[in-house]
Amino acid sequence: DLFIEKLGALCTWYVNALTDWPCAKTYAKMVEEVEAMDRETFRRRRVARTGCWMQDAIQAALLGLAEPAREGVVSNFATSHGGSRFPAFWGPNHDWVPDQDHGGVAMLALQFMLLQPVGQKLHLLPAWPREWDVSFKLHAPGAVVEADYHDGAFRRLVVSPPERAADLVLPEG
């Protein structure tokens, strides 16, 4: 179909672009097209699920898709096992109780919604729902990021060491 056709053309174009280096504009356009293709691939996935080791929430967060990431995280954290004393004893989903995969996927997706290191850059809130308030402290490569984000704006943002603040990429808007 057209999607597969475009993928083949993009791969051929990418190989040709590499032989004509330097081509920063070409590379930027290619990255943009690959990101669009990644999102389309996620949208067309044959099995869309969350729970246990299903990684839809993680992949949505990494793709910057706030709504499906939110849905997956909320779903994972909202479920519980009625026969267990502790609410975080999820399952059984595909195997046993407690199901550690279930919480692990939710926590990793939540962290990727908040912070994604890409090269030297630290992208803040790449898949965070604007209407959600949050306070967090997360470790990233060579940095610790602390923030309070309320009513769609940062109220506090601290980066240690301070020179890593130049590497922050804040959400648009």
Protein backbone atom coordinates (compact mmCIF):
# COMPACT_ATOMS: atom_id res chain seq x y z
CA ASP A 1 0.00 0.00 0.00
CA LEU A 2 0.94 3.68 -0.08
CA PHE A 3 2.49 3.55 3.40
CA ILE A 4 4.91 0.74 2.41
CA GLU A 5 5.65 2.50 -0.88
CA LYS A 6 6.54 5.70 0.97
CA LEU A 7 8.73 3.75 3.40
CA GLY A 8 10.72 2.24 0.51
CA ALA A 9 11.11 5.62 -1.18
CA LEU A 10 12.20 7.21 2.09
CA CYS A 11 14.84 4.52 2.71
CA THR A 12 16.22 4.92 -0.82
CA TRP A 13 16.23 8.69 -0.43
CA TYR A 14 18.02 8.38 2.94
CA VAL A 15 20.82 6.23 1.47
CA ASN A 16 21.25 8.69 -1.40
CA ALA A 17 21.30 11.61 1.04
CA LEU A 18 24.12 10.00 3.01
CA THR A 19 26.32 9.86 -0.07
CA ASP A 20 25.88 13.63 -0.61
CA TRP A 21 26.87 14.71 2.92
CA PRO A 22 26.81 17.40 4.31
CA CYS A 23 23.08 17.86 3.96
CA ALA A 24 21.68 19.10 7.27
CA LYS A 25 18.40 20.26 5.73
CA THR A 26 17.93 16.89 4.06
CA TYR A 27 18.67 15.09 7.32
CA ALA A 28 16.22 17.28 9.26
CA LYS A 29 13.50 16.59 6.69
CA MET A 30 14.27 12.87 6.81
CA VAL A 31 14.02 12.83 10.62
CA GLU A 32 10.68 14.63 10.42
CA GLU A 33 9.38 12.09 7.89
CA VAL A 34 10.64 9.14 9.94
CA GLU A 35 8.91 10.53 13.03
CA ALA A 36 5.67 10.86 11.06
CA MET A 37 6.12 7.31 9.78
CA ASP A 38 6.73 6.06 13.33
CA ARG A 39 3.51 7.68 14.51
CA GLU A 40 1.58 6.21 11.59
CA THR A 41 3.04 2.76 12.33
CA PHE A 42 1.91 3.09 15.95
CA ARG A 43 -1.56 4.16 14.80
CA ARG A 44 -1.82 1.11 12.51
CA ARG A 45 -0.51 -1.45 14.99
CA ARG A 46 -2.50 -4.66 14.84
CA VAL A 47 -2.68 -5.22 18.59
CA ALA A 48 -3.41 -2.14 20.70
CA ARG A 49 -3.30 -3.11 24.37
CA THR A 50 -2.02 -2.13 27.73
CA GLY A 51 -1.41 -4.15 30.86
CA CYS A 52 1.32 -6.54 31.88
CA TRP A 53 4.27 -6.27 29.47
CA MET A 54 2.33 -4.56 26.67
CA GLN A 55 4.39 -1.47 25.80
CA ASP A 56 1.86 0.75 24.01
CA ALA A 57 2.06 3.42 26.74
CA ILE A 58 5.88 3.51 26.54
CA GLN A 59 5.89 3.69 22.74
CA ALA A 60 3.22 6.41 22.75
CA ALA A 61 5.29 8.48 25.20
CA LEU A 62 8.46 8.04 23.12
CA LEU A 63 6.52 9.19 20.04
CA GLY A 64 5.26 12.28 21.87
CA LEU A 65 1.65 11.10 21.77
CA ALA A 66 0.24 12.45 25.02
CA GLU A 67 -3.28 11.04 24.78
CA PRO A 68 -2.52 7.34 24.20
CA ALA A 69 0.36 7.56 26.71
CA ARG A 70 -2.02 9.05 29.27
CA GLU A 71 -4.65 6.39 28.60
CA GLY A 72 -2.13 3.58 29.04
CA VAL A 73 -0.62 4.98 32.23
CA VAL A 74 -4.02 5.68 33.80
CA SER A 75 -5.29 2.23 32.85
CA ASN A 76 -2.23 0.46 34.24
CA PHE A 77 -2.20 2.35 37.52
CA ALA A 78 -6.01 2.10 37.98
CA THR A 79 -6.25 -1.68 37.85
CA SER A 80 -5.74 -3.89 40.87
CA HIS A 81 -6.06 -7.50 41.92
CA GLY A 82 -9.05 -7.91 44.23
CA GLY A 83 -7.54 -10.87 46.04
CA SER A 84 -4.37 -9.02 47.01
CA ARG A 85 -3.81 -6.94 50.11
CA PHE A 86 -1.73 -4.29 48.35
CA PRO A 87 -3.10 -2.18 45.47
CA ALA A 88 0.16 -2.43 43.52
CA PHE A 89 -0.09 -6.23 43.34
CA TRP A 90 -1.42 -6.17 39.80
CA GLY A 91 -2.41 -9.16 37.77
CA PRO A 92 -2.70 -11.81 36.85
CA ASN A 93 -2.44 -10.46 33.34
CA HIS A 94 -0.54 -13.09 31.40
CA ASP A 95 1.27 -14.87 34.17
CA TRP A 96 1.15 -14.37 37.96
CA VAL A 97 0.37 -12.09 40.89
CA PRO A 98 2.00 -9.71 41.58
CA ASP A 99 2.64 -8.73 37.98
CA GLN A 100 5.77 -6.54 38.08
CA ASP A 101 5.68 -5.87 34.33
CA HIS A 102 2.40 -4.02 34.67
CA GLY A 103 3.76 -1.40 37.08
CA GLY A 104 7.15 -1.27 35.35
CA VAL A 105 5.57 -0.36 32.01
CA ALA A 106 3.40 2.30 33.67
CA MET A 107 6.35 3.85 35.53
CA LEU A 108 8.63 3.87 32.48
CA ALA A 109 5.90 5.41 30.31
CA LEU A 110 5.25 8.05 32.97
CA GLN A 111 8.95 8.94 33.07
CA PHE A 112 9.16 9.18 29.27
CA MET A 113 6.09 11.42 29.29
CA LEU A 114 8.03 13.75 31.62
CA LEU A 115 11.60 13.60 30.31
CA GLN A 116 13.36 12.16 27.27
CA PRO A 117 17.10 12.48 26.74
CA VAL A 118 17.89 12.74 23.01
CA GLY A 119 21.61 13.06 22.36
CA GLN A 120 22.77 15.83 24.69
CA LYS A 121 19.31 17.43 24.81
CA LEU A 122 16.81 16.87 27.62
CA HIS A 123 13.25 17.14 26.30
CA LEU A 124 10.82 18.10 29.07
CA LEU A 125 7.17 17.02 28.97
CA PRO A 126 7.33 15.64 25.40
CA ALA A 127 4.13 13.62 25.93
CA TRP A 128 2.61 15.28 28.99
CA PRO A 129 -1.09 16.22 28.95
CA ARG A 130 -1.24 20.01 29.35
CA GLU A 131 -4.11 19.78 31.83
CA TRP A 132 -2.13 17.58 34.25
CA ASP A 133 -0.19 19.24 37.06
CA VAL A 134 3.02 17.58 38.19
CA SER A 135 6.03 17.96 40.47
CA PHE A 136 8.97 15.69 39.74
CA LYS A 137 12.66 15.01 40.21
CA LEU A 138 14.25 12.74 37.61
CA HIS A 139 17.80 11.72 36.81
CA ALA A 140 18.98 12.07 33.22
CA PRO A 141 22.41 11.49 31.66
CA GLY A 142 24.72 13.93 33.46
CA ALA A 143 21.87 15.83 35.10
CA VAL A 144 19.08 15.88 37.64
CA VAL A 145 15.94 17.77 36.65
CA GLU A 146 13.42 19.01 39.22
CA ALA A 147 10.25 20.80 38.18
CA ASP A 148 6.81 21.95 39.22
CA TYR A 149 4.42 22.29 36.29
CA HIS A 150 0.96 23.64 37.09
CA ASP A 151 -1.84 25.16 35.01
CA GLY A 152 0.16 24.65 31.82
CA ALA A 153 3.32 26.46 32.97
CA PHE A 154 6.52 25.76 34.85
CA ARG A 155 6.43 27.23 38.35
CA ARG A 156 9.87 25.90 39.24
CA LEU A 157 12.62 24.34 37.13
CA VAL A 158 16.01 23.39 38.57
CA VAL A 159 18.77 21.53 36.72
CA SER A 160 21.89 20.15 38.38
CA PRO A 161 24.57 20.83 37.36
CA PRO A 162 23.41 24.29 36.20
CA GLU A 163 25.35 24.16 32.91
CA ARG A 164 23.01 21.37 31.73
CA ALA A 165 20.13 23.89 31.74
CA ALA A 166 21.30 24.98 28.28
CA ASP A 167 20.41 21.49 27.02
CA LEU A 168 16.76 21.66 28.08
CA VAL A 169 14.11 21.58 25.37
CA LEU A 170 10.86 22.93 26.78
CA PRO A 171 7.42 22.15 25.38
CA GLU A 172 5.96 24.60 22.89
CA GLY A 173 3.14 26.83 24.02
